[in-house]
């Protein structure tokens, strides 16, 4: 049987996880859970993670574009082989 303290911790953790999931998957805060400090912390953490993921993907895409441009320039330098 779960003691009351463990039950409370599970509730806090569930609010935190719900906040993270809502931020990453939906991007919309749940008004029913907005009053929970743990939900808000999870939501903020999820938004931070989403921002980092997006910036990393942007940098990777930009790098791929530069590779393609540089690759074409080095391969097609106007000389016939």
PDB file of N, CA and C in Angstrom:
ATOM      1  N   UNK A   1       0.845  -1.189   0.000  1.00  0.00           N
ATOM      2  CA  UNK A   1       0.000   0.000   0.000  1.00  0.00           C
ATOM      3  C   UNK A   1       0.882   1.241   0.000  1.00  0.00           C
ATOM      4  N   UNK A   2       0.446   2.245  -0.703  1.00  0.00           N
ATOM      5  CA  UNK A   2       1.199   3.488  -0.831  1.00  0.00           C
ATOM      6  C   UNK A   2       0.891   4.393   0.358  1.00  0.00           C
ATOM      7  N   UNK A   3       1.965   4.926   0.964  1.00  0.00           N
ATOM      8  CA  UNK A   3       1.739   5.836   2.083  1.00  0.00           C
ATOM      9  C   UNK A   3       1.261   7.198   1.566  1.00  0.00           C
ATOM     10  N   UNK A   4       0.651   8.014   2.409  1.00  0.00           N
ATOM     11  CA  UNK A   4       0.080   9.295   1.969  1.00  0.00           C
ATOM     12  C   UNK A   4       1.102  10.232   1.332  1.00  0.00           C
ATOM     13  N   UNK A   5       2.322  10.245   1.844  1.00  0.00           N
ATOM     14  CA  UNK A   5       3.350  11.123   1.282  1.00  0.00           C
ATOM     15  C   UNK A   5       3.697  10.707  -0.145  1.00  0.00           C
ATOM     16  N   UNK A   6       3.822   9.409  -0.364  1.00  0.00           N
ATOM     17  CA  UNK A   6       4.111   8.899  -1.710  1.00  0.00           C
ATOM     18  C   UNK A   6       2.960   9.212  -2.669  1.00  0.00           C
ATOM     19  N   UNK A   7       1.754   9.097  -2.183  1.00  0.00           N
ATOM     20  CA  UNK A   7       0.578   9.421  -2.999  1.00  0.00           C
ATOM     21  C   UNK A   7       0.610  10.898  -3.418  1.00  0.00           C
ATOM     22  N   UNK A   8       0.987  11.757  -2.490  1.00  0.00           N
ATOM     23  CA  UNK A   8       1.075  13.193  -2.776  1.00  0.00           C
ATOM     24  C   UNK A   8       2.163  13.468  -3.815  1.00  0.00           C
ATOM     25  N   UNK A   9       3.303  12.818  -3.645  1.00  0.00           N
ATOM     26  CA  UNK A   9       4.409  13.004  -4.596  1.00  0.00           C
ATOM     27  C   UNK A   9       4.012  12.572  -5.998  1.00  0.00           C
ATOM     28  N   UNK A  10       3.298  11.473  -6.094  1.00  0.00           N
ATOM     29  CA  UNK A  10       2.831  11.019  -7.419  1.00  0.00           C
ATOM     30  C   UNK A  10       1.919  12.058  -8.057  1.00  0.00           C
ATOM     31  N   UNK A  11       1.079  12.663  -7.245  1.00  0.00           N
ATOM     32  CA  UNK A  11       0.197  13.711  -7.763  1.00  0.00           C
ATOM     33  C   UNK A  11       0.982  14.899  -8.280  1.00  0.00           C
ATOM     34  N   UNK A  12       1.996  15.326  -7.523  1.00  0.00           N
ATOM     35  CA  UNK A  12       2.831  16.445  -7.953  1.00  0.00           C
ATOM     36  C   UNK A  12       3.562  16.112  -9.244  1.00  0.00           C
ATOM     37  N   UNK A  13       4.110  14.907  -9.286  1.00  0.00           N
ATOM     38  CA  UNK A  13       4.840  14.492 -10.473  1.00  0.00           C
ATOM     39  C   UNK A  13       3.918  14.417 -11.686  1.00  0.00           C
ATOM     40  N   UNK A  14       2.704  13.941 -11.492  1.00  0.00           N
ATOM     41  CA  UNK A  14       1.750  13.876 -12.602  1.00  0.00           C
ATOM     42  C   UNK A  14       1.403  15.265 -13.120  1.00  0.00           C
ATOM     43  N   UNK A  15       1.242  16.226 -12.215  1.00  0.00           N
ATOM     44  CA  UNK A  15       0.982  17.600 -12.663  1.00  0.00           C
ATOM     45  C   UNK A  15       2.165  18.130 -13.468  1.00  0.00           C
ATOM     46  N   UNK A  16       3.377  17.870 -12.987  1.00  0.00           N
ATOM     47  CA  UNK A  16       4.570  18.321 -13.689  1.00  0.00           C
ATOM     48  C   UNK A  16       4.645  17.691 -15.084  1.00  0.00           C
ATOM     49  N   UNK A  17       4.436  16.380 -15.158  1.00  0.00           N
ATOM     50  CA  UNK A  17       4.489  15.678 -16.447  1.00  0.00           C
ATOM     51  C   UNK A  17       3.401  16.182 -17.391  1.00  0.00           C
ATOM     52  N   UNK A  18       2.224  16.440 -16.877  1.00  0.00           N
ATOM     53  CA  UNK A  18       1.150  16.980 -17.718  1.00  0.00           C
ATOM     54  C   UNK A  18       1.539  18.346 -18.285  1.00  0.00           C
ATOM     55  N   UNK A  19       2.191  19.156 -17.465  1.00  0.00           N
ATOM     56  CA  UNK A  19       2.638  20.466 -17.933  1.00  0.00           C
ATOM     57  C   UNK A  19       3.654  20.348 -19.052  1.00  0.00           C
ATOM     58  N   UNK A  20       4.605  19.439 -18.884  1.00  0.00           N
ATOM     59  CA  UNK A  20       5.619  19.226 -19.925  1.00  0.00           C
ATOM     60  C   UNK A  20       4.951  18.747 -21.212  1.00  0.00           C
ATOM     61  N   UNK A  21       4.067  17.780 -21.090  1.00  0.00           N
ATOM     62  CA  UNK A  21       3.394  17.228 -22.270  1.00  0.00           C
ATOM     63  C   UNK A  21       2.556  18.292 -22.978  1.00  0.00           C
ATOM     64  N   UNK A  22       1.835  19.088 -22.217  1.00  0.00           N
ATOM     65  CA  UNK A  22       1.018  20.131 -22.839  1.00  0.00           C
ATOM     66  C   UNK A  22       1.879  21.149 -23.581  1.00  0.00           C
ATOM     67  N   UNK A  23       3.021  21.496 -23.012  1.00  0.00           N
ATOM     68  CA  UNK A  23       3.898  22.461 -23.673  1.00  0.00           C
ATOM     69  C   UNK A  23       4.509  21.888 -24.943  1.00  0.00           C
ATOM     70  N   UNK A  24       5.013  20.659 -24.858  1.00  0.00           N
ATOM     71  CA  UNK A  24       5.692  20.066 -26.013  1.00  0.00           C
ATOM     72  C   UNK A  24       4.736  19.623 -27.112  1.00  0.00           C
ATOM     73  N   UNK A  25       3.618  19.048 -26.722  1.00  0.00           N
ATOM     74  CA  UNK A  25       2.729  18.455 -27.713  1.00  0.00           C
ATOM     75  C   UNK A  25       1.642  19.407 -28.199  1.00  0.00           C
ATOM     76  N   UNK A  26       1.087  20.198 -27.281  1.00  0.00           N
ATOM     77  CA  UNK A  26      -0.026  21.067 -27.644  1.00  0.00           C
ATOM     78  C   UNK A  26       0.376  22.532 -27.761  1.00  0.00           C
ATOM     79  N   UNK A  27       1.265  22.964 -26.875  1.00  0.00           N
ATOM     80  CA  UNK A  27       1.647  24.372 -26.837  1.00  0.00           C
ATOM     81  C   UNK A  27       0.585  25.246 -26.197  1.00  0.00           C
ATOM     82  N   UNK A  28      -0.364  24.613 -25.528  1.00  0.00           N
ATOM     83  CA  UNK A  28      -1.473  25.351 -24.903  1.00  0.00           C
ATOM     84  C   UNK A  28      -1.577  24.916 -23.449  1.00  0.00           C
ATOM     85  N   UNK A  29      -1.674  25.889 -22.556  1.00  0.00           N
ATOM     86  CA  UNK A  29      -1.791  25.593 -21.135  1.00  0.00           C
ATOM     87  C   UNK A  29      -3.223  25.159 -20.814  1.00  0.00           C
ATOM     88  N   UNK A  30      -3.365  24.171 -19.954  1.00  0.00           N
ATOM     89  CA  UNK A  30      -4.669  23.652 -19.555  1.00  0.00           C
ATOM     90  C   UNK A  30      -5.224  24.527 -18.434  1.00  0.00           C
ATOM     91  N   UNK A  31      -6.328  25.183 -18.689  1.00  0.00           N
ATOM     92  CA  UNK A  31      -6.916  26.090 -17.699  1.00  0.00           C
ATOM     93  C   UNK A  31      -7.314  25.367 -16.416  1.00  0.00           C
ATOM     94  N   UNK A  32      -7.655  24.102 -16.511  1.00  0.00           N
ATOM     95  CA  UNK A  32      -8.053  23.346 -15.321  1.00  0.00           C
ATOM     96  C   UNK A  32      -6.876  23.043 -14.398  1.00  0.00           C
ATOM     97  N   UNK A  33      -5.676  23.051 -14.939  1.00  0.00           N
ATOM     98  CA  UNK A  33      -4.496  22.721 -14.141  1.00  0.00           C
ATOM     99  C   UNK A  33      -3.600  23.936 -13.890  1.00  0.00           C
ATOM    100  N   UNK A  34      -3.987  25.060 -14.417  1.00  0.00           N
ATOM    101  CA  UNK A  34      -3.191  26.281 -14.347  1.00  0.00           C
ATOM    102  C   UNK A  34      -2.853  26.694 -12.922  1.00  0.00           C
ATOM    103  N   UNK A  35      -3.697  26.368 -11.972  1.00  0.00           N
ATOM    104  CA  UNK A  35      -3.481  26.798 -10.591  1.00  0.00           C
ATOM    105  C   UNK A  35      -2.389  25.989  -9.883  1.00  0.00           C
ATOM    106  N   UNK A  36      -1.981  24.873 -10.439  1.00  0.00           N
ATOM    107  CA  UNK A  36      -0.963  24.033  -9.813  1.00  0.00           C
ATOM    108  C   UNK A  36       0.434  24.579 -10.115  1.00  0.00           C
ATOM    109  N   UNK A  37       1.205  24.820  -9.064  1.00  0.00           N
ATOM    110  CA  UNK A  37       2.582  25.292  -9.241  1.00  0.00           C
ATOM    111  C   UNK A  37       3.420  24.245  -9.965  1.00  0.00           C
ATOM    112  N   UNK A  38       3.156  22.972  -9.708  1.00  0.00           N
ATOM    113  CA  UNK A  38       3.916  21.894 -10.357  1.00  0.00           C
ATOM    114  C   UNK A  38       3.586  21.812 -11.843  1.00  0.00           C
ATOM    115  N   UNK A  39       2.336  22.027 -12.180  1.00  0.00           N
ATOM    116  CA  UNK A  39       1.941  22.048 -13.595  1.00  0.00           C
ATOM    117  C   UNK A  39       2.641  23.205 -14.308  1.00  0.00           C
ATOM    118  N   UNK A  40       2.646  24.373 -13.677  1.00  0.00           N
ATOM    119  CA  UNK A  40       3.284  25.545 -14.286  1.00  0.00           C
ATOM    120  C   UNK A  40       4.782  25.312 -14.478  1.00  0.00           C
ATOM    121  N   UNK A  41       5.436  24.701 -13.482  1.00  0.00           N
ATOM    122  CA  UNK A  41       6.864  24.409 -13.623  1.00  0.00           C
ATOM    123  C   UNK A  41       7.106  23.429 -14.766  1.00  0.00           C
ATOM    124  N   UNK A  42       6.259  22.429 -14.877  1.00  0.00           N
ATOM    125  CA  UNK A  42       6.381  21.478 -15.972  1.00  0.00           C
ATOM    126  C   UNK A  42       6.132  22.132 -17.317  1.00  0.00           C
ATOM    127  N   UNK A  43       5.145  23.012 -17.371  1.00  0.00           N
ATOM    128  CA  UNK A  43       4.836  23.718 -18.616  1.00  0.00           C
ATOM    129  C   UNK A  43       6.014  24.601 -19.028  1.00  0.00           C
ATOM    130  N   UNK A  44       6.564  25.339 -18.074  1.00  0.00           N
ATOM    131  CA  UNK A  44       7.718  26.190 -18.372  1.00  0.00           C
ATOM    132  C   UNK A  44       8.906  25.354 -18.845  1.00  0.00           C
ATOM    133  N   UNK A  45       9.131  24.217 -18.198  1.00  0.00           N
ATOM    134  CA  UNK A  45      10.205  23.328 -18.606  1.00  0.00           C
ATOM    135  C   UNK A  45       9.957  22.807 -20.023  1.00  0.00           C
ATOM    136  N   UNK A  46       8.727  22.432 -20.318  1.00  0.00           N
ATOM    137  CA  UNK A  46       8.388  21.951 -21.658  1.00  0.00           C
ATOM    138  C   UNK A  46       8.588  23.007 -22.727  1.00  0.00           C
ATOM    139  N   UNK A  47       8.217  24.241 -22.427  1.00  0.00           N
ATOM    140  CA  UNK A  47       8.415  25.346 -23.382  1.00  0.00           C
ATOM    141  C   UNK A  47       9.910  25.568 -23.615  1.00  0.00           C
ATOM    142  N   UNK A  48      10.690  25.505 -22.545  1.00  0.00           N
ATOM    143  CA  UNK A  48      12.136  25.657 -22.678  1.00  0.00           C
ATOM    144  C   UNK A  48      12.715  24.554 -23.562  1.00  0.00           C
ATOM    145  N   UNK A  49      12.273  23.331 -23.339  1.00  0.00           N
ATOM    146  CA  UNK A  49      12.747  22.216 -24.159  1.00  0.00           C
ATOM    147  C   UNK A  49      12.332  22.389 -25.614  1.00  0.00           C
ATOM    148  N   UNK A  50      11.095  22.792 -25.843  1.00  0.00           N
ATOM    149  CA  UNK A  50      10.609  22.993 -27.206  1.00  0.00           C
ATOM    150  C   UNK A  50      11.432  24.063 -27.922  1.00  0.00           C
ATOM    151  N   UNK A  51      11.749  25.142 -27.208  1.00  0.00           N
ATOM    152  CA  UNK A  51      12.538  26.219 -27.795  1.00  0.00           C
ATOM    153  C   UNK A  51      13.930  25.724 -28.170  1.00  0.00           C
ATOM    154  N   UNK A  52      14.535  24.936 -27.295  1.00  0.00           N
ATOM    155  CA  UNK A  52      15.859  24.394 -27.593  1.00  0.00           C
ATOM    156  C   UNK A  52      15.815  23.427 -28.771  1.00  0.00           C
ATOM    157  N   UNK A  53      14.792  22.608 -28.824  1.00  0.00           N
ATOM    158  CA  UNK A  53      14.650  21.668 -29.937  1.00  0.00           C
ATOM    159  C   UNK A  53      14.481  22.422 -31.249  1.00  0.00           C
ATOM    160  N   UNK A  54      13.630  23.427 -31.239  1.00  0.00           N
ATOM    161  CA  UNK A  54      13.394  24.207 -32.457  1.00  0.00           C
ATOM    162  C   UNK A  54      14.653  24.927 -32.902  1.00  0.00           C
ATOM    163  N   UNK A  55      15.394  25.532 -31.976  1.00  0.00           N
ATOM    164  CA  UNK A  55      16.607  26.247 -32.368  1.00  0.00           C
ATOM    165  C   UNK A  55      17.665  25.272 -32.878  1.00  0.00           C
ATOM    166  N   UNK A  56      17.741  24.092 -32.294  1.00  0.00           N
ATOM    167  CA  UNK A  56      18.692  23.079 -32.759  1.00  0.00           C
ATOM    168  C   UNK A  56      18.323  22.624 -34.169  1.00  0.00           C
ATOM    169  N   UNK A  57      17.044  22.387 -34.408  1.00  0.00           N
ATOM    170  CA  UNK A  57      16.609  21.976 -35.747  1.00  0.00           C
ATOM    171  C   UNK A  57      16.855  23.086 -36.756  1.00  0.00           C
ATOM    172  N   UNK A  58      16.645  24.333 -36.356  1.00  0.00           N
ATOM    173  CA  UNK A  58      16.884  25.464 -37.250  1.00  0.00           C
ATOM    174  C   UNK A  58      18.362  25.526 -37.620  1.00  0.00           C
ATOM    175  N   UNK A  59      19.229  25.360 -36.629  1.00  0.00           N
ATOM    176  CA  UNK A  59      20.669  25.406 -36.882  1.00  0.00           C
ATOM    177  C   UNK A  59      21.080  24.252 -37.786  1.00  0.00           C
ATOM    178  N   UNK A  60      20.533  23.065 -37.534  1.00  0.00           N
ATOM    179  CA  UNK A  60      20.872  21.918 -38.374  1.00  0.00           C
ATOM    180  C   UNK A  60      20.403  22.137 -39.806  1.00  0.00           C
ATOM    181  N   UNK A  61      19.191  22.677 -39.980  1.00  0.00           N
ATOM    182  CA  UNK A  61      18.688  22.951 -41.327  1.00  0.00           C
ATOM    183  C   UNK A  61      19.545  23.992 -42.026  1.00  0.00           C
ATOM    184  N   UNK A  62      19.938  25.016 -41.285  1.00  0.00           N
ATOM    185  CA  UNK A  62      20.774  26.063 -41.866  1.00  0.00           C
ATOM    186  C   UNK A  62      22.128  25.479 -42.283  1.00  0.00           C
ATOM    187  N   UNK A  63      22.690  24.608 -41.450  1.00  0.00           N
ATOM    188  CA  UNK A  63      23.957  23.973 -41.761  1.00  0.00           C
ATOM    189  C   UNK A  63      23.836  23.099 -43.006  1.00  0.00           C
ATOM    190  N   UNK A  64      22.732  22.363 -43.138  1.00  0.00           N
ATOM    191  CA  UNK A  64      22.517  21.517 -44.315  1.00  0.00           C
ATOM    192  C   UNK A  64      22.422  22.364 -45.577  1.00  0.00           C
ATOM    193  N   UNK A  65      21.739  23.498 -45.479  1.00  0.00           N
ATOM    194  CA  UNK A  65      21.622  24.398 -46.634  1.00  0.00           C
ATOM    195  C   UNK A  65      22.998  24.903 -47.034  1.00  0.00           C
ATOM    196  N   UNK A  66      23.788  25.311 -46.035  1.00  0.00           N
ATOM    197  CA  UNK A  66      25.140  25.794 -46.334  1.00  0.00           C
ATOM    198  C   UNK A  66      26.002  24.690 -46.931  1.00  0.00           C
ATOM    199  N   UNK A  67      25.859  23.473 -46.432  1.00  0.00           N
ATOM    200  CA  UNK A  67      26.607  22.347 -47.001  1.00  0.00           C
ATOM    201  C   UNK A  67      26.231  22.143 -48.456  1.00  0.00           C
ATOM    202  N   UNK A  68      24.931  22.221 -48.753  1.00  0.00           N
ATOM    203  CA  UNK A  68      24.472  22.028 -50.126  1.00  0.00           C
ATOM    204  C   UNK A  68      25.000  23.132 -51.027  1.00  0.00           C
ATOM    205  N   UNK A  69      24.962  24.355 -50.569  1.00  0.00           N
ATOM    206  CA  UNK A  69      25.452  25.470 -51.371  1.00  0.00           C
ATOM    207  C   UNK A  69      26.956  25.328 -51.583  1.00  0.00           C
ATOM    208  N   UNK A  70      27.682  25.066 -50.522  1.00  0.00           N
ATOM    209  CA  UNK A  70      29.135  24.916 -50.633  1.00  0.00           C
ATOM    210  C   UNK A  70      29.500  23.679 -51.446  1.00  0.00           C
ATOM    211  N   UNK A  71      28.737  22.622 -51.293  1.00  0.00           N
ATOM    212  CA  UNK A  71      28.998  21.413 -52.057  1.00  0.00           C
ATOM    213  C   UNK A  71      28.827  21.629 -53.541  1.00  0.00           C
ATOM    214  N   UNK A  72      27.784  22.357 -53.928  1.00  0.00           N
ATOM    215  CA  UNK A  72      27.548  22.645 -55.341  1.00  0.00           C
ATOM    216  C   UNK A  72      28.632  23.551 -55.895  1.00  0.00           C
ATOM    217  N   UNK A  73      29.072  24.518 -55.096  1.00  0.00           N
ATOM    218  CA  UNK A  73      30.116  25.426 -55.549  1.00  0.00           C
ATOM    219  C   UNK A  73      31.430  24.692 -55.780  1.00  0.00           C
ATOM    220  N   UNK A  74      31.760  23.757 -54.910  1.00  0.00           N
ATOM    221  CA  UNK A  74      33.026  23.044 -55.069  1.00  0.00           C
ATOM    222  C   UNK A  74      32.929  21.992 -56.160  1.00  0.00           C
ATOM    223  N   UNK A  75      31.764  21.428 -56.395  1.00  0.00           N
ATOM    224  CA  UNK A  75      31.611  20.409 -57.418  1.00  0.00           C
ATOM    225  C   UNK A  75      31.469  21.037 -58.800  1.00  0.00           C
ATOM    226  N   UNK A  76      30.762  22.137 -58.883  1.00  0.00           N
ATOM    227  CA  UNK A  76      30.496  22.766 -60.184  1.00  0.00           C
ATOM    228  C   UNK A  76      31.239  24.107 -60.221  1.00  0.00           C
ATOM    229  N   UNK A  77      32.535  24.052 -60.508  1.00  0.00           N
ATOM    230  CA  UNK A  77      33.316  25.281 -60.531  1.00  0.00           C
ATOM    231  C   UNK A  77      33.532  25.790 -61.960  1.00  0.00           C
ATOM    232  N   UNK A  78      32.746  25.305 -62.878  1.00  0.00           N
ATOM    233  CA  UNK A  78      32.796  25.803 -64.239  1.00  0.00           C
ATOM    234  C   UNK A  78      33.761  25.055 -65.134  1.00  0.00           C
ATOM    235  N   UNK A  79      34.461  24.088 -64.614  1.00  0.00           N
ATOM    236  CA  UNK A  79      35.428  23.341 -65.402  1.00  0.00           C
ATOM    237  C   UNK A  79      34.802  22.029 -65.851  1.00  0.00           C
ATOM    238  N   UNK A  80      35.063  21.667 -67.065  1.00  0.00           N
ATOM    239  CA  UNK A  80      34.624  20.368 -67.570  1.00  0.00           C
ATOM    240  C   UNK A  80      35.671  19.337 -67.219  1.00  0.00           C
ATOM    241  N   UNK A  81      35.227  18.208 -66.732  1.00  0.00           N
ATOM    242  CA  UNK A  81      36.190  17.167 -66.392  1.00  0.00           C
ATOM    243  C   UNK A  81      36.060  16.006 -67.325  1.00  0.00           C
TER     244      UNK A  81
END
